[in-house]
Structures are given as C-alpha cells and as structure tokens.
Amino acid sequence: MSNYEKYVESFKIAFDIQDVSNIRELEYRGIAEWDSVGHMGLISEIEEAFNIEMETDDIIEFGSFIKGIELLAKYNVIIEQE
C-alpha cells in the first residue's frame, strides 16, 4: 500500500466515509464528522499508519487534506498524490 493509499485510508476510517472522489477538498469542519473529536481520531489513525508522533502545533495546523500532506513531509512521510 502506498503512502497516499494509507493517508486516504486514515480519512476513510476516521470519518467513516466511502466516497473519496472529493477527498482532496476535505477541510476541518467541512463535514460533520471532522469536528474536534473527529480531528483527534484522524490524527491517531495517521500516527498509527505512519508510525509517527505529531507535534501539538502540527496537529492544530492540520486543517485540510492538502495541508496534512505538507505537514507529514516534516516527519519524512512523503505522500505523492495519485
């Protein structure tokens, strides 16, 4: 499984979504599931998928699907968009 697939899967699990056709447009509070509790669930899924521990500032800054890709690069997780 590619890093991109792992990343998408984290969103699918955290927010219980199946249709990922618009996943690149997802933003914090853009869907009902991505509230503060859902956000922490997403971070947990991502940390587990990539075996990392994100810093608090990065967790707060993680406000969209695209921003997450940028932030994960700090942890040497390169996600090439497919």
C-alpha atoms as a PDB file:
ATOM      1  CA  MET A   1       0.000   0.000   0.000  1.00  0.00           C
ATOM      2  CA  SER A   2       1.410   3.383  -0.992  1.00  0.00           C
ATOM      3  CA  ASN A   3       1.695   6.291   1.426  1.00  0.00           C
ATOM      4  CA  TYR A   4      -1.108   8.026  -0.455  1.00  0.00           C
ATOM      5  CA  GLU A   5      -3.351   4.993  -0.017  1.00  0.00           C
ATOM      6  CA  LYS A   6      -2.513   4.811   3.697  1.00  0.00           C
ATOM      7  CA  TYR A   7      -3.281   8.510   4.041  1.00  0.00           C
ATOM      8  CA  VAL A   8      -6.654   8.217   2.293  1.00  0.00           C
ATOM      9  CA  GLU A   9      -7.466   5.113   4.335  1.00  0.00           C
ATOM     10  CA  SER A  10      -6.841   7.094   7.538  1.00  0.00           C
ATOM     11  CA  PHE A  11      -9.509   9.594   6.477  1.00  0.00           C
ATOM     12  CA  LYS A  12     -11.906   6.813   5.477  1.00  0.00           C
ATOM     13  CA  ILE A  13     -11.559   5.087   8.846  1.00  0.00           C
ATOM     14  CA  ALA A  14     -11.605   8.231  10.990  1.00  0.00           C
ATOM     15  CA  PHE A  15     -14.659   9.724   9.295  1.00  0.00           C
ATOM     16  CA  ASP A  16     -16.382   6.520   8.138  1.00  0.00           C
ATOM     17  CA  ILE A  17     -16.525   7.667   4.529  1.00  0.00           C
ATOM     18  CA  GLN A  18     -16.566   5.516   1.424  1.00  0.00           C
ATOM     19  CA  ASP A  19     -16.780   8.062  -1.385  1.00  0.00           C
ATOM     20  CA  VAL A  20     -13.313   9.565  -1.699  1.00  0.00           C
ATOM     21  CA  SER A  21     -13.848  11.293  -5.041  1.00  0.00           C
ATOM     22  CA  ASN A  22     -13.598  14.733  -3.405  1.00  0.00           C
ATOM     23  CA  ILE A  23     -11.209  13.805  -0.617  1.00  0.00           C
ATOM     24  CA  ARG A  24      -8.598  16.367  -1.661  1.00  0.00           C
ATOM     25  CA  GLU A  25     -11.121  19.102  -0.897  1.00  0.00           C
ATOM     26  CA  LEU A  26     -11.778  17.996   2.691  1.00  0.00           C
ATOM     27  CA  GLU A  27     -11.223  20.644   5.343  1.00  0.00           C
ATOM     28  CA  TYR A  28     -11.679  20.811   9.095  1.00  0.00           C
ATOM     29  CA  ARG A  29     -15.383  21.303   9.840  1.00  0.00           C
ATOM     30  CA  GLY A  30     -16.103  20.824   6.132  1.00  0.00           C
ATOM     31  CA  ILE A  31     -18.050  17.682   7.029  1.00  0.00           C
ATOM     32  CA  ALA A  32     -19.922  16.926  10.241  1.00  0.00           C
ATOM     33  CA  GLU A  33     -17.503  14.122  11.152  1.00  0.00           C
ATOM     34  CA  TRP A  34     -14.464  16.404  11.106  1.00  0.00           C
ATOM     35  CA  ASP A  35     -15.096  18.186  14.366  1.00  0.00           C
ATOM     36  CA  SER A  36     -12.653  18.386  17.282  1.00  0.00           C
ATOM     37  CA  VAL A  37     -13.253  14.772  18.327  1.00  0.00           C
ATOM     38  CA  GLY A  38     -13.052  13.522  14.741  1.00  0.00           C
ATOM     39  CA  HIS A  39      -9.850  15.514  14.294  1.00  0.00           C
ATOM     40  CA  MET A  40      -8.129  13.657  17.105  1.00  0.00           C
ATOM     41  CA  GLY A  41      -9.355  10.348  15.676  1.00  0.00           C
ATOM     42  CA  LEU A  42      -7.866  11.289  12.314  1.00  0.00           C
ATOM     43  CA  ILE A  43      -4.542  12.250  13.879  1.00  0.00           C
ATOM     44  CA  SER A  44      -4.480   8.949  15.745  1.00  0.00           C
ATOM     45  CA  GLU A  45      -5.124   6.998  12.530  1.00  0.00           C
ATOM     46  CA  ILE A  46      -2.377   8.897  10.701  1.00  0.00           C
ATOM     47  CA  GLU A  47       0.135   8.488  13.508  1.00  0.00           C
ATOM     48  CA  GLU A  48      -0.546   4.764  13.614  1.00  0.00           C
ATOM     49  CA  ALA A  49      -0.430   4.338   9.836  1.00  0.00           C
ATOM     50  CA  PHE A  50       2.951   6.043   9.545  1.00  0.00           C
ATOM     51  CA  ASN A  51       4.408   5.169  12.960  1.00  0.00           C
ATOM     52  CA  ILE A  52       4.971   8.806  13.899  1.00  0.00           C
ATOM     53  CA  GLU A  53       4.029  11.147  16.733  1.00  0.00           C
ATOM     54  CA  MET A  54       2.981  14.585  15.554  1.00  0.00           C
ATOM     55  CA  GLU A  55       3.823  17.726  17.482  1.00  0.00           C
ATOM     56  CA  THR A  56       0.953  19.701  19.006  1.00  0.00           C
ATOM     57  CA  ASP A  57       1.462  22.682  16.687  1.00  0.00           C
ATOM     58  CA  ASP A  58       1.223  20.402  13.655  1.00  0.00           C
ATOM     59  CA  ILE A  59      -1.942  18.776  14.969  1.00  0.00           C
ATOM     60  CA  ILE A  60      -3.517  22.209  15.357  1.00  0.00           C
ATOM     61  CA  GLU A  61      -2.329  23.340  11.921  1.00  0.00           C
ATOM     62  CA  PHE A  62      -3.651  20.173  10.236  1.00  0.00           C
ATOM     63  CA  GLY A  63      -6.748  21.793   8.763  1.00  0.00           C
ATOM     64  CA  SER A  64      -7.198  20.105   5.406  1.00  0.00           C
ATOM     65  CA  PHE A  65      -6.303  17.042   3.397  1.00  0.00           C
ATOM     66  CA  ILE A  66      -3.728  19.019   1.403  1.00  0.00           C
ATOM     67  CA  LYS A  67      -2.222  20.721   4.480  1.00  0.00           C
ATOM     68  CA  GLY A  68      -1.775  17.299   6.049  1.00  0.00           C
ATOM     69  CA  ILE A  69       0.362  16.181   3.124  1.00  0.00           C
ATOM     70  CA  GLU A  70       2.599  19.221   3.638  1.00  0.00           C
ATOM     71  CA  LEU A  71       2.879  18.636   7.387  1.00  0.00           C
ATOM     72  CA  LEU A  72       3.690  14.947   7.064  1.00  0.00           C
ATOM     73  CA  ALA A  73       6.742  15.803   4.985  1.00  0.00           C
ATOM     74  CA  LYS A  74       8.267  17.172   8.235  1.00  0.00           C
ATOM     75  CA  TYR A  75       8.150  13.597   9.521  1.00  0.00           C
ATOM     76  CA  ASN A  76       9.763  12.170   6.382  1.00  0.00           C
ATOM     77  CA  VAL A  77       6.409  10.851   5.199  1.00  0.00           C
ATOM     78  CA  ILE A  78       6.232  11.672   1.515  1.00  0.00           C
ATOM     79  CA  ILE A  79       2.779  11.371   0.017  1.00  0.00           C
ATOM     80  CA  GLU A  80       2.772  11.545  -3.733  1.00  0.00           C
ATOM     81  CA  GLN A  81      -0.695  12.407  -4.924  1.00  0.00           C
ATOM     82  CA  GLU A  82      -2.039   9.857  -7.341  1.00  0.00           C
END
